[in-house]
Amino acid sequence: KSLRPIMRQAKVAPNPAMRINFINAIWQGKLPVSFLIAENCTMTIDEYMNVKEASDGGKHKEKVRDKVTGISYEPYGHISDANDYFLCEFFWEEYQSFIRKGNVSSPKVGRNRAKHGW
């Protein structure tokens, strides 16, 4: 209570392509921001090693079917989404500055382009 915490929740999810580029810029050392993933966070590491880029610059969330239950699910994309949302909110000022500089790369392949420019 003495630290006066506040609830910080984004009203809208950050643009997928922009937030991915923001995270990549952090990892490439292009921003004065850093975050670490501990070696024992194997699920998070597996996620980042296997999540794929979609043709629109976002994340391709491939569906697979469990052989036993027959239930369809997306094995990758959820952990990194949660991290993206957290990092974009926690480093809000850096993220806004990144957006203002137009730091988004165009998709390299595919037809489905975003309807809105950024």
PDB file of N, CA and C in Angstrom:
ATOM      1  N   LYS A   1       0.825  -1.194   0.000  1.00  0.00           N
ATOM      2  CA  LYS A   1       0.000   0.000   0.000  1.00  0.00           C
ATOM      3  C   LYS A   1       0.868   1.257   0.000  1.00  0.00           C
ATOM      4  N   SER A   2       1.989   1.216   0.704  1.00  0.00           N
ATOM      5  CA  SER A   2       2.851   2.391   0.765  1.00  0.00           C
ATOM      6  C   SER A   2       3.496   2.702  -0.596  1.00  0.00           C
ATOM      7  N   LEU A   3       3.581   1.714  -1.481  1.00  0.00           N
ATOM      8  CA  LEU A   3       4.168   1.928  -2.800  1.00  0.00           C
ATOM      9  C   LEU A   3       3.161   2.449  -3.811  1.00  0.00           C
ATOM     10  N   ARG A   4       1.884   2.482  -3.414  1.00  0.00           N
ATOM     11  CA  ARG A   4       0.784   2.973  -4.251  1.00  0.00           C
ATOM     12  C   ARG A   4       0.721   2.287  -5.627  1.00  0.00           C
ATOM     13  N   PRO A   5       0.568   0.975  -5.638  1.00  0.00           N
ATOM     14  CA  PRO A   5       0.478   0.291  -6.937  1.00  0.00           C
ATOM     15  C   PRO A   5      -0.803   0.682  -7.668  1.00  0.00           C
ATOM     16  N   ILE A   6      -0.733   0.663  -8.979  1.00  0.00           N
ATOM     17  CA  ILE A   6      -1.909   0.957  -9.789  1.00  0.00           C
ATOM     18  C   ILE A   6      -2.124  -0.181 -10.780  1.00  0.00           C
ATOM     19  N   MET A   7      -3.383  -0.375 -11.169  1.00  0.00           N
ATOM     20  CA  MET A   7      -3.704  -1.375 -12.172  1.00  0.00           C
ATOM     21  C   MET A   7      -3.385  -0.782 -13.542  1.00  0.00           C
ATOM     22  N   ARG A   8      -2.519  -1.456 -14.297  1.00  0.00           N
ATOM     23  CA  ARG A   8      -2.190  -0.998 -15.644  1.00  0.00           C
ATOM     24  C   ARG A   8      -2.641  -2.078 -16.618  1.00  0.00           C
ATOM     25  N   GLN A   9      -3.677  -1.753 -17.345  1.00  0.00           N
ATOM     26  CA  GLN A   9      -4.218  -2.704 -18.296  1.00  0.00           C
ATOM     27  C   GLN A   9      -4.496  -1.959 -19.593  1.00  0.00           C
ATOM     28  N   ALA A  10      -3.954  -2.478 -20.662  1.00  0.00           N
ATOM     29  CA  ALA A  10      -4.139  -1.832 -21.956  1.00  0.00           C
ATOM     30  C   ALA A  10      -5.595  -1.919 -22.387  1.00  0.00           C
ATOM     31  N   LYS A  11      -6.102  -0.856 -22.971  1.00  0.00           N
ATOM     32  CA  LYS A  11      -7.474  -0.846 -23.470  1.00  0.00           C
ATOM     33  C   LYS A  11      -7.592  -1.648 -24.761  1.00  0.00           C
ATOM     34  N   VAL A  12      -6.512  -1.669 -25.534  1.00  0.00           N
ATOM     35  CA  VAL A  12      -6.465  -2.393 -26.795  1.00  0.00           C
ATOM     36  C   VAL A  12      -5.136  -3.126 -26.873  1.00  0.00           C
ATOM     37  N   ALA A  13      -5.160  -4.341 -27.398  1.00  0.00           N
ATOM     38  CA  ALA A  13      -3.916  -5.091 -27.567  1.00  0.00           C
ATOM     39  C   ALA A  13      -3.016  -4.375 -28.567  1.00  0.00           C
ATOM     40  N   PRO A  14      -1.707  -4.318 -28.302  1.00  0.00           N
ATOM     41  CA  PRO A  14      -0.796  -3.665 -29.237  1.00  0.00           C
ATOM     42  C   PRO A  14      -0.816  -4.360 -30.602  1.00  0.00           C
ATOM     43  N   ASN A  15      -0.615  -3.589 -31.655  1.00  0.00           N
ATOM     44  CA  ASN A  15      -0.564  -4.126 -33.008  1.00  0.00           C
ATOM     45  C   ASN A  15       0.447  -5.274 -33.057  1.00  0.00           C
ATOM     46  N   PRO A  16       0.053  -6.454 -33.556  1.00  0.00           N
ATOM     47  CA  PRO A  16       0.950  -7.617 -33.542  1.00  0.00           C
ATOM     48  C   PRO A  16       2.293  -7.385 -34.234  1.00  0.00           C
ATOM     49  N   ALA A  17       2.293  -6.850 -35.445  1.00  0.00           N
ATOM     50  CA  ALA A  17       3.554  -6.645 -36.159  1.00  0.00           C
ATOM     51  C   ALA A  17       4.434  -5.630 -35.426  1.00  0.00           C
ATOM     52  N   MET A  18       3.830  -4.563 -34.906  1.00  0.00           N
ATOM     53  CA  MET A  18       4.590  -3.534 -34.208  1.00  0.00           C
ATOM     54  C   MET A  18       5.207  -4.079 -32.921  1.00  0.00           C
ATOM     55  N   ARG A  19       4.428  -4.833 -32.165  1.00  0.00           N
ATOM     56  CA  ARG A  19       4.966  -5.340 -30.894  1.00  0.00           C
ATOM     57  C   ARG A  19       6.045  -6.385 -31.140  1.00  0.00           C
ATOM     58  N   ILE A  20       5.917  -7.174 -32.210  1.00  0.00           N
ATOM     59  CA  ILE A  20       6.956  -8.153 -32.532  1.00  0.00           C
ATOM     60  C   ILE A  20       8.243  -7.426 -32.901  1.00  0.00           C
ATOM     61  N   ASN A  21       8.129  -6.377 -33.705  1.00  0.00           N
ATOM     62  CA  ASN A  21       9.309  -5.592 -34.064  1.00  0.00           C
ATOM     63  C   ASN A  21       9.922  -4.916 -32.842  1.00  0.00           C
ATOM     64  N   PHE A  22       9.079  -4.472 -31.909  1.00  0.00           N
ATOM     65  CA  PHE A  22       9.556  -3.869 -30.664  1.00  0.00           C
ATOM     66  C   PHE A  22      10.363  -4.883 -29.858  1.00  0.00           C
ATOM     67  N   ILE A  23       9.834  -6.080 -29.697  1.00  0.00           N
ATOM     68  CA  ILE A  23      10.532  -7.131 -28.947  1.00  0.00           C
ATOM     69  C   ILE A  23      11.840  -7.494 -29.654  1.00  0.00           C
ATOM     70  N   ASN A  24      11.799  -7.625 -30.969  1.00  0.00           N
ATOM     71  CA  ASN A  24      13.022  -7.941 -31.716  1.00  0.00           C
ATOM     72  C   ASN A  24      14.067  -6.844 -31.553  1.00  0.00           C
ATOM     73  N   ALA A  25      13.631  -5.585 -31.555  1.00  0.00           N
ATOM     74  CA  ALA A  25      14.561  -4.464 -31.369  1.00  0.00           C
ATOM     75  C   ALA A  25      15.199  -4.515 -29.985  1.00  0.00           C
ATOM     76  N   ILE A  26      14.430  -4.914 -28.981  1.00  0.00           N
ATOM     77  CA  ILE A  26      14.987  -5.072 -27.627  1.00  0.00           C
ATOM     78  C   ILE A  26      16.069  -6.131 -27.653  1.00  0.00           C
ATOM     79  N   TRP A  27      15.754  -7.304 -28.233  1.00  0.00           N
ATOM     80  CA  TRP A  27      16.718  -8.407 -28.269  1.00  0.00           C
ATOM     81  C   TRP A  27      17.956  -8.069 -29.093  1.00  0.00           C
ATOM     82  N   GLN A  28      17.803  -7.209 -30.088  1.00  0.00           N
ATOM     83  CA  GLN A  28      18.938  -6.822 -30.921  1.00  0.00           C
ATOM     84  C   GLN A  28      19.763  -5.699 -30.290  1.00  0.00           C
ATOM     85  N   GLY A  29      19.339  -5.240 -29.111  1.00  0.00           N
ATOM     86  CA  GLY A  29      20.077  -4.195 -28.412  1.00  0.00           C
ATOM     87  C   GLY A  29      19.891  -2.809 -29.002  1.00  0.00           C
ATOM     88  N   LYS A  30      18.827  -2.605 -29.768  1.00  0.00           N
ATOM     89  CA  LYS A  30      18.578  -1.314 -30.404  1.00  0.00           C
ATOM     90  C   LYS A  30      17.830  -0.341 -29.498  1.00  0.00           C
ATOM     91  N   LEU A  31      17.362  -0.813 -28.350  1.00  0.00           N
ATOM     92  CA  LEU A  31      16.610   0.035 -27.415  1.00  0.00           C
ATOM     93  C   LEU A  31      17.250  -0.035 -26.037  1.00  0.00           C
ATOM     94  N   PRO A  32      17.067   1.010 -25.227  1.00  0.00           N
ATOM     95  CA  PRO A  32      17.639   1.009 -23.879  1.00  0.00           C
ATOM     96  C   PRO A  32      16.784   0.194 -22.900  1.00  0.00           C
ATOM     97  N   VAL A  33      16.391  -0.998 -23.324  1.00  0.00           N
ATOM     98  CA  VAL A  33      15.504  -1.864 -22.555  1.00  0.00           C
ATOM     99  C   VAL A  33      16.071  -3.271 -22.645  1.00  0.00           C
ATOM    100  N   SER A  34      15.926  -4.034 -21.582  1.00  0.00           N
ATOM    101  CA  SER A  34      16.343  -5.428 -21.676  1.00  0.00           C
ATOM    102  C   SER A  34      15.443  -6.284 -20.799  1.00  0.00           C
ATOM    103  N   PHE A  35      15.332  -7.528 -21.178  1.00  0.00           N
ATOM    104  CA  PHE A  35      14.668  -8.513 -20.343  1.00  0.00           C
ATOM    105  C   PHE A  35      15.345  -9.848 -20.576  1.00  0.00           C
ATOM    106  N   LEU A  36      15.333 -10.662 -19.572  1.00  0.00           N
ATOM    107  CA  LEU A  36      16.014 -11.952 -19.634  1.00  0.00           C
ATOM    108  C   LEU A  36      15.016 -13.075 -19.428  1.00  0.00           C
ATOM    109  N   ILE A  37      15.289 -14.187 -20.068  1.00  0.00           N
ATOM    110  CA  ILE A  37      14.504 -15.393 -19.857  1.00  0.00           C
ATOM    111  C   ILE A  37      15.459 -16.396 -19.226  1.00  0.00           C
ATOM    112  N   ALA A  38      15.139 -16.840 -18.032  1.00  0.00           N
ATOM    113  CA  ALA A  38      16.010 -17.767 -17.313  1.00  0.00           C
ATOM    114  C   ALA A  38      16.099 -19.105 -18.049  1.00  0.00           C
ATOM    115  N   GLU A  39      17.241 -19.757 -17.929  1.00  0.00           N
ATOM    116  CA  GLU A  39      17.462 -21.038 -18.597  1.00  0.00           C
ATOM    117  C   GLU A  39      16.451 -22.108 -18.197  1.00  0.00           C
ATOM    118  N   ASN A  40      15.928 -22.008 -16.985  1.00  0.00           N
ATOM    119  CA  ASN A  40      14.968 -23.027 -16.529  1.00  0.00           C
ATOM    120  C   ASN A  40      13.535 -22.747 -17.004  1.00  0.00           C
ATOM    121  N   CYS A  41      13.332 -21.673 -17.738  1.00  0.00           N
ATOM    122  CA  CYS A  41      12.015 -21.362 -18.327  1.00  0.00           C
ATOM    123  C   CYS A  41      11.931 -22.043 -19.692  1.00  0.00           C
ATOM    124  N   THR A  42      11.966 -23.357 -19.675  1.00  0.00           N
ATOM    125  CA  THR A  42      12.078 -24.126 -20.912  1.00  0.00           C
ATOM    126  C   THR A  42      10.866 -23.973 -21.828  1.00  0.00           C
ATOM    127  N   MET A  43       9.676 -23.824 -21.263  1.00  0.00           N
ATOM    128  CA  MET A  43       8.491 -23.652 -22.101  1.00  0.00           C
ATOM    129  C   MET A  43       8.529 -22.318 -22.839  1.00  0.00           C
ATOM    130  N   THR A  44       9.000 -21.277 -22.167  1.00  0.00           N
ATOM    131  CA  THR A  44       9.108 -19.962 -22.796  1.00  0.00           C
ATOM    132  C   THR A  44      10.173 -19.993 -23.887  1.00  0.00           C
ATOM    133  N   ILE A  45      11.299 -20.614 -23.608  1.00  0.00           N
ATOM    134  CA  ILE A  45      12.364 -20.722 -24.604  1.00  0.00           C
ATOM    135  C   ILE A  45      11.870 -21.519 -25.810  1.00  0.00           C
ATOM    136  N   ASP A  46      11.184 -22.627 -25.551  1.00  0.00           N
ATOM    137  CA  ASP A  46      10.623 -23.446 -26.635  1.00  0.00           C
ATOM    138  C   ASP A  46       9.648 -22.629 -27.477  1.00  0.00           C
ATOM    139  N   GLU A  47       8.839 -21.831 -26.808  1.00  0.00           N
ATOM    140  CA  GLU A  47       7.885 -20.957 -27.501  1.00  0.00           C
ATOM    141  C   GLU A  47       8.600 -20.020 -28.466  1.00  0.00           C
ATOM    142  N   TYR A  48       9.600 -19.287 -27.956  1.00  0.00           N
ATOM    143  CA  TYR A  48      10.293 -18.315 -28.795  1.00  0.00           C
ATOM    144  C   TYR A  48      11.097 -18.984 -29.911  1.00  0.00           C
ATOM    145  N   MET A  49      11.525 -20.198 -29.696  1.00  0.00           N
ATOM    146  CA  MET A  49      12.272 -20.916 -30.729  1.00  0.00           C
ATOM    147  C   MET A  49      11.355 -21.447 -31.833  1.00  0.00           C
ATOM    148  N   ASN A  50      10.068 -21.620 -31.529  1.00  0.00           N
ATOM    149  CA  ASN A  50       9.171 -22.277 -32.474  1.00  0.00           C
ATOM    150  C   ASN A  50       8.028 -21.439 -33.026  1.00  0.00           C
ATOM    151  N   VAL A  51       7.726 -20.304 -32.421  1.00  0.00           N
ATOM    152  CA  VAL A  51       6.640 -19.480 -32.943  1.00  0.00           C
ATOM    153  C   VAL A  51       7.060 -18.931 -34.303  1.00  0.00           C
ATOM    154  N   LYS A  52       6.124 -18.899 -35.239  1.00  0.00           N
ATOM    155  CA  LYS A  52       6.433 -18.492 -36.615  1.00  0.00           C
ATOM    156  C   LYS A  52       5.781 -17.157 -36.943  1.00  0.00           C
ATOM    157  N   GLU A  53       6.345 -16.480 -37.930  1.00  0.00           N
ATOM    158  CA  GLU A  53       5.791 -15.214 -38.392  1.00  0.00           C
ATOM    159  C   GLU A  53       4.718 -15.476 -39.445  1.00  0.00           C
ATOM    160  N   ALA A  54       3.608 -14.779 -39.316  1.00  0.00           N
ATOM    161  CA  ALA A  54       2.517 -14.883 -40.289  1.00  0.00           C
ATOM    162  C   ALA A  54       2.792 -13.952 -41.463  1.00  0.00           C
ATOM    163  N   SER A  55       2.071 -14.142 -42.542  1.00  0.00           N
ATOM    164  CA  SER A  55       2.282 -13.323 -43.740  1.00  0.00           C
ATOM    165  C   SER A  55       1.967 -11.847 -43.504  1.00  0.00           C
ATOM    166  N   ASP A  56       1.143 -11.540 -42.492  1.00  0.00           N
ATOM    167  CA  ASP A  56       0.801 -10.144 -42.210  1.00  0.00           C
ATOM    168  C   ASP A  56       1.752  -9.490 -41.209  1.00  0.00           C
ATOM    169  N   GLY A  57       2.811 -10.211 -40.825  1.00  0.00           N
ATOM    170  CA  GLY A  57       3.784  -9.667 -39.881  1.00  0.00           C
ATOM    171  C   GLY A  57       3.502 -10.029 -38.443  1.00  0.00           C
ATOM    172  N   GLY A  58       2.351 -10.622 -38.178  1.00  0.00           N
ATOM    173  CA  GLY A  58       2.000 -11.062 -36.826  1.00  0.00           C
ATOM    174  C   GLY A  58       2.546 -12.451 -36.549  1.00  0.00           C
ATOM    175  N   LYS A  59       1.880 -13.172 -35.676  1.00  0.00           N
ATOM    176  CA  LYS A  59       2.305 -14.528 -35.341  1.00  0.00           C
ATOM    177  C   LYS A  59       1.397 -15.545 -36.010  1.00  0.00           C
ATOM    178  N   HIS A  60       2.022 -16.547 -36.589  1.00  0.00           N
ATOM    179  CA  HIS A  60       1.274 -17.630 -37.214  1.00  0.00           C
ATOM    180  C   HIS A  60       0.989 -18.656 -36.123  1.00  0.00           C
ATOM    181  N   LYS A  61      -0.269 -18.793 -35.779  1.00  0.00           N
ATOM    182  CA  LYS A  61      -0.648 -19.733 -34.728  1.00  0.00           C
ATOM    183  C   LYS A  61      -1.237 -20.978 -35.377  1.00  0.00           C
ATOM    184  N   GLU A  62      -0.343 -21.896 -35.642  1.00  0.00           N
ATOM    185  CA  GLU A  62      -0.695 -23.144 -36.309  1.00  0.00           C
ATOM    186  C   GLU A  62      -1.491 -24.030 -35.357  1.00  0.00           C
ATOM    187  N   LYS A  63      -2.525 -24.654 -35.872  1.00  0.00           N
ATOM    188  CA  LYS A  63      -3.339 -25.558 -35.062  1.00  0.00           C
ATOM    189  C   LYS A  63      -2.865 -26.986 -35.275  1.00  0.00           C
ATOM    190  N   VAL A  64      -2.817 -27.733 -34.191  1.00  0.00           N
ATOM    191  CA  VAL A  64      -2.513 -29.164 -34.248  1.00  0.00           C
ATOM    192  C   VAL A  64      -3.615 -29.901 -33.504  1.00  0.00           C
ATOM    193  N   ARG A  65      -3.763 -31.169 -33.802  1.00  0.00           N
ATOM    194  CA  ARG A  65      -4.801 -31.974 -33.157  1.00  0.00           C
ATOM    195  C   ARG A  65      -4.140 -33.011 -32.258  1.00  0.00           C
ATOM    196  N   ASP A  66      -4.576 -33.073 -31.013  1.00  0.00           N
ATOM    197  CA  ASP A  66      -4.083 -34.066 -30.070  1.00  0.00           C
ATOM    198  C   ASP A  66      -4.523 -35.445 -30.549  1.00  0.00           C
ATOM    199  N   LYS A  67      -3.568 -36.365 -30.686  1.00  0.00           N
ATOM    200  CA  LYS A  67      -3.863 -37.701 -31.207  1.00  0.00           C
ATOM    201  C   LYS A  67      -4.757 -38.517 -30.288  1.00  0.00           C
ATOM    202  N   VAL A  68      -4.667 -38.276 -28.998  1.00  0.00           N
ATOM    203  CA  VAL A  68      -5.454 -39.048 -28.036  1.00  0.00           C
ATOM    204  C   VAL A  68      -6.864 -38.483 -27.878  1.00  0.00           C
ATOM    205  N   THR A  69      -6.953 -37.169 -27.627  1.00  0.00           N
ATOM    206  CA  THR A  69      -8.261 -36.566 -27.341  1.00  0.00           C
ATOM    207  C   THR A  69      -8.978 -36.081 -28.594  1.00  0.00           C
ATOM    208  N   GLY A  70      -8.226 -35.838 -29.667  1.00  0.00           N
ATOM    209  CA  GLY A  70      -8.825 -35.308 -30.880  1.00  0.00           C
ATOM    210  C   GLY A  70      -9.108 -33.817 -30.810  1.00  0.00           C
ATOM    211  N   ILE A  71      -8.677 -33.168 -29.734  1.00  0.00           N
ATOM    212  CA  ILE A  71      -8.917 -31.734 -29.548  1.00  0.00           C
ATOM    213  C   ILE A  71      -7.855 -30.932 -30.289  1.00  0.00           C
ATOM    214  N   SER A  72      -8.292 -29.908 -30.986  1.00  0.00           N
ATOM    215  CA  SER A  72      -7.418 -29.030 -31.742  1.00  0.00           C
ATOM    216  C   SER A  72      -6.942 -27.884 -30.841  1.00  0.00           C
ATOM    217  N   TYR A  73      -5.658 -27.515 -30.956  1.00  0.00           N
ATOM    218  CA  TYR A  73      -5.113 -26.428 -30.142  1.00  0.00           C
ATOM    219  C   TYR A  73      -3.931 -25.779 -30.859  1.00  0.00           C
ATOM    220  N   GLU A  74      -3.519 -24.625 -30.344  1.00  0.00           N
ATOM    221  CA  GLU A  74      -2.366 -23.886 -30.865  1.00  0.00           C
ATOM    222  C   GLU A  74      -1.207 -24.066 -29.887  1.00  0.00           C
ATOM    223  N   PRO A  75      -0.167 -24.823 -30.276  1.00  0.00           N
ATOM    224  CA  PRO A  75       0.913 -25.085 -29.325  1.00  0.00           C
ATOM    225  C   PRO A  75       1.813 -23.885 -29.040  1.00  0.00           C
ATOM    226  N   TYR A  76       1.903 -22.935 -29.979  1.00  0.00           N
ATOM    227  CA  TYR A  76       2.803 -21.798 -29.788  1.00  0.00           C
ATOM    228  C   TYR A  76       2.087 -20.477 -30.046  1.00  0.00           C
ATOM    229  N   GLY A  77       2.565 -19.452 -29.375  1.00  0.00           N
ATOM    230  CA  GLY A  77       2.047 -18.107 -29.576  1.00  0.00           C
ATOM    231  C   GLY A  77       1.468 -17.475 -28.328  1.00  0.00           C
ATOM    232  N   HIS A  78       1.042 -18.273 -27.376  1.00  0.00           N
ATOM    233  CA  HIS A  78       0.354 -17.724 -26.206  1.00  0.00           C
ATOM    234  C   HIS A  78       1.313 -17.151 -25.162  1.00  0.00           C
ATOM    235  N   ILE A  79       2.401 -17.846 -24.901  1.00  0.00           N
ATOM    236  CA  ILE A  79       3.369 -17.343 -23.915  1.00  0.00           C
ATOM    237  C   ILE A  79       4.007 -16.058 -24.436  1.00  0.00           C
ATOM    238  N   SER A  80       4.403 -16.065 -25.708  1.00  0.00           N
ATOM    239  CA  SER A  80       5.037 -14.866 -26.261  1.00  0.00           C
ATOM    240  C   SER A  80       4.048 -13.706 -26.344  1.00  0.00           C
ATOM    241  N   ASP A  81       2.763 -13.992 -26.617  1.00  0.00           N
ATOM    242  CA  ASP A  81       1.752 -12.930 -26.603  1.00  0.00           C
ATOM    243  C   ASP A  81       1.681 -12.280 -25.221  1.00  0.00           C
ATOM    244  N   ALA A  82       1.625 -13.097 -24.188  1.00  0.00           N
ATOM    245  CA  ALA A  82       1.548 -12.566 -22.822  1.00  0.00           C
ATOM    246  C   ALA A  82       2.783 -11.722 -22.511  1.00  0.00           C
ATOM    247  N   ASN A  83       3.957 -12.208 -22.900  1.00  0.00           N
ATOM    248  CA  ASN A  83       5.185 -11.434 -22.681  1.00  0.00           C
ATOM    249  C   ASN A  83       5.152 -10.130 -23.469  1.00  0.00           C
ATOM    250  N   ASP A  84       4.682 -10.190 -24.720  1.00  0.00           N
ATOM    251  CA  ASP A  84       4.587  -8.978 -25.546  1.00  0.00           C
ATOM    252  C   ASP A  84       3.711  -7.932 -24.875  1.00  0.00           C
ATOM    253  N   TYR A  85       2.526  -8.351 -24.431  1.00  0.00           N
ATOM    254  CA  TYR A  85       1.592  -7.414 -23.795  1.00  0.00           C
ATOM    255  C   TYR A  85       2.222  -6.792 -22.560  1.00  0.00           C
ATOM    256  N   PHE A  86       2.866  -7.636 -21.762  1.00  0.00           N
ATOM    257  CA  PHE A  86       3.511  -7.135 -20.552  1.00  0.00           C
ATOM    258  C   PHE A  86       4.608  -6.123 -20.891  1.00  0.00           C
ATOM    259  N   LEU A  87       5.492  -6.488 -21.824  1.00  0.00           N
ATOM    260  CA  LEU A  87       6.621  -5.619 -22.151  1.00  0.00           C
ATOM    261  C   LEU A  87       6.175  -4.305 -22.781  1.00  0.00           C
ATOM    262  N   CYS A  88       5.170  -4.356 -23.637  1.00  0.00           N
ATOM    263  CA  CYS A  88       4.667  -3.121 -24.258  1.00  0.00           C
ATOM    264  C   CYS A  88       4.023  -2.206 -23.223  1.00  0.00           C
ATOM    265  N   GLU A  89       3.419  -2.778 -22.216  1.00  0.00           N
ATOM    266  CA  GLU A  89       2.794  -1.972 -21.165  1.00  0.00           C
ATOM    267  C   GLU A  89       3.839  -1.494 -20.155  1.00  0.00           C
ATOM    268  N   PHE A  90       4.734  -2.388 -19.744  1.00  0.00           N
ATOM    269  CA  PHE A  90       5.741  -2.041 -18.745  1.00  0.00           C
ATOM    270  C   PHE A  90       6.696  -0.978 -19.280  1.00  0.00           C
ATOM    271  N   PHE A  91       7.096  -1.130 -20.539  1.00  0.00           N
ATOM    272  CA  PHE A  91       7.977  -0.160 -21.184  1.00  0.00           C
ATOM    273  C   PHE A  91       7.156   0.731 -22.120  1.00  0.00           C
ATOM    274  N   TRP A  92       6.064   1.254 -21.602  1.00  0.00           N
ATOM    275  CA  TRP A  92       5.111   2.039 -22.379  1.00  0.00           C
ATOM    276  C   TRP A  92       5.763   3.206 -23.112  1.00  0.00           C
ATOM    277  N   GLU A  93       6.569   3.982 -22.428  1.00  0.00           N
ATOM    278  CA  GLU A  93       7.189   5.155 -23.049  1.00  0.00           C
ATOM    279  C   GLU A  93       8.127   4.750 -24.173  1.00  0.00           C
ATOM    280  N   GLU A  94       8.911   3.711 -23.964  1.00  0.00           N
ATOM    281  CA  GLU A  94       9.822   3.234 -24.997  1.00  0.00           C
ATOM    282  C   GLU A  94       9.038   2.666 -26.188  1.00  0.00           C
ATOM    283  N   TYR A  95       7.948   1.980 -25.890  1.00  0.00           N
ATOM    284  CA  TYR A  95       7.115   1.410 -26.954  1.00  0.00           C
ATOM    285  C   TYR A  95       6.476   2.521 -27.788  1.00  0.00           C
ATOM    286  N   GLN A  96       5.953   3.552 -27.135  1.00  0.00           N
ATOM    287  CA  GLN A  96       5.335   4.676 -27.851  1.00  0.00           C
ATOM    288  C   GLN A  96       6.368   5.403 -28.713  1.00  0.00           C
ATOM    289  N   SER A  97       7.559   5.576 -28.185  1.00  0.00           N
ATOM    290  CA  SER A  97       8.631   6.209 -28.956  1.00  0.00           C
ATOM    291  C   SER A  97       8.986   5.347 -30.171  1.00  0.00           C
ATOM    292  N   PHE A  98       9.041   4.047 -29.976  1.00  0.00           N
ATOM    293  CA  PHE A  98       9.318   3.106 -31.059  1.00  0.00           C
ATOM    294  C   PHE A  98       8.259   3.214 -32.150  1.00  0.00           C
ATOM    295  N   ILE A  99       6.999   3.298 -31.749  1.00  0.00           N
ATOM    296  CA  ILE A  99       5.898   3.422 -32.709  1.00  0.00           C
ATOM    297  C   ILE A  99       6.013   4.723 -33.498  1.00  0.00           C
ATOM    298  N   ARG A 100       6.276   5.822 -32.793  1.00  0.00           N
ATOM    299  CA  ARG A 100       6.352   7.129 -33.455  1.00  0.00           C
ATOM    300  C   ARG A 100       7.451   7.181 -34.506  1.00  0.00           C
ATOM    301  N   LYS A 101       8.482   6.387 -34.316  1.00  0.00           N
ATOM    302  CA  LYS A 101       9.586   6.377 -35.283  1.00  0.00           C
ATOM    303  C   LYS A 101       9.273   5.491 -36.489  1.00  0.00           C
ATOM    304  N   GLY A 102       8.105   4.856 -36.487  1.00  0.00           N
ATOM    305  CA  GLY A 102       7.707   4.035 -37.633  1.00  0.00           C
ATOM    306  C   GLY A 102       8.530   2.785 -37.796  1.00  0.00           C
ATOM    307  N   ASN A 103       8.902   2.178 -36.698  1.00  0.00           N
ATOM    308  CA  ASN A 103       9.767   0.999 -36.732  1.00  0.00           C
ATOM    309  C   ASN A 103       8.999  -0.292 -36.978  1.00  0.00           C
ATOM    310  N   VAL A 104       8.423  -0.411 -38.130  1.00  0.00           N
ATOM    311  CA  VAL A 104       7.753  -1.662 -38.480  1.00  0.00           C
ATOM    312  C   VAL A 104       8.239  -2.053 -39.856  1.00  0.00           C
ATOM    313  N   SER A 105       8.564  -3.327 -40.000  1.00  0.00           N
ATOM    314  CA  SER A 105       9.006  -3.789 -41.313  1.00  0.00           C
ATOM    315  C   SER A 105       7.835  -4.424 -42.030  1.00  0.00           C
ATOM    316  N   SER A 106       7.812  -4.298 -43.334  1.00  0.00           N
ATOM    317  CA  SER A 106       6.740  -4.882 -44.131  1.00  0.00           C
ATOM    318  C   SER A 106       6.904  -6.393 -44.170  1.00  0.00           C
ATOM    319  N   PRO A 107       5.789  -7.105 -44.249  1.00  0.00           N
ATOM    320  CA  PRO A 107       5.895  -8.557 -44.397  1.00  0.00           C
ATOM    321  C   PRO A 107       6.669  -8.880 -45.671  1.00  0.00           C
ATOM    322  N   LYS A 108       7.456  -9.917 -45.616  1.00  0.00           N
ATOM    323  CA  LYS A 108       8.285 -10.290 -46.754  1.00  0.00           C
ATOM    324  C   LYS A 108       7.554 -11.190 -47.731  1.00  0.00           C
ATOM    325  N   VAL A 109       6.563 -11.925 -47.248  1.00  0.00           N
ATOM    326  CA  VAL A 109       5.853 -12.895 -48.072  1.00  0.00           C
ATOM    327  C   VAL A 109       4.375 -12.826 -47.740  1.00  0.00           C
ATOM    328  N   GLY A 110       3.523 -13.136 -48.684  1.00  0.00           N
ATOM    329  CA  GLY A 110       2.108 -13.281 -48.382  1.00  0.00           C
ATOM    330  C   GLY A 110       1.255 -12.196 -48.998  1.00  0.00           C
ATOM    331  N   ARG A 111      -0.015 -12.471 -49.050  1.00  0.00           N
ATOM    332  CA  ARG A 111      -0.974 -11.560 -49.649  1.00  0.00           C
ATOM    333  C   ARG A 111      -1.739 -10.753 -48.624  1.00  0.00           C
ATOM    334  N   ASN A 112      -2.005 -11.314 -47.477  1.00  0.00           N
ATOM    335  CA  ASN A 112      -2.868 -10.670 -46.480  1.00  0.00           C
ATOM    336  C   ASN A 112      -2.138  -9.532 -45.795  1.00  0.00           C
ATOM    337  N   ARG A 113      -2.347  -8.336 -46.260  1.00  0.00           N
ATOM    338  CA  ARG A 113      -1.735  -7.159 -45.657  1.00  0.00           C
ATOM    339  C   ARG A 113      -2.722  -6.561 -44.675  1.00  0.00           C
ATOM    340  N   ALA A 114      -2.203  -5.926 -43.671  1.00  0.00           N
ATOM    341  CA  ALA A 114      -3.059  -5.275 -42.680  1.00  0.00           C
ATOM    342  C   ALA A 114      -3.882  -4.178 -43.356  1.00  0.00           C
ATOM    343  N   LYS A 115      -5.104  -3.964 -42.877  1.00  0.00           N
ATOM    344  CA  LYS A 115      -5.984  -2.949 -43.445  1.00  0.00           C
ATOM    345  C   LYS A 115      -5.539  -1.551 -43.021  1.00  0.00           C
ATOM    346  N   HIS A 116      -4.889  -1.456 -41.887  1.00  0.00           N
ATOM    347  CA  HIS A 116      -4.498  -0.151 -41.347  1.00  0.00           C
ATOM    348  C   HIS A 116      -2.977  -0.014 -41.430  1.00  0.00           C
ATOM    349  N   GLY A 117      -2.518   1.142 -41.821  1.00  0.00           N
ATOM    350  CA  GLY A 117      -1.087   1.398 -41.844  1.00  0.00           C
ATOM    351  C   GLY A 117      -0.597   1.788 -40.471  1.00  0.00           C
ATOM    352  N   TRP A 118       0.681   1.639 -40.230  1.00  0.00           N
ATOM    353  CA  TRP A 118       1.270   2.062 -38.971  1.00  0.00           C
ATOM    354  C   TRP A 118       2.678   2.522 -39.221  1.00  0.00           C
TER     355      TRP A 118
END
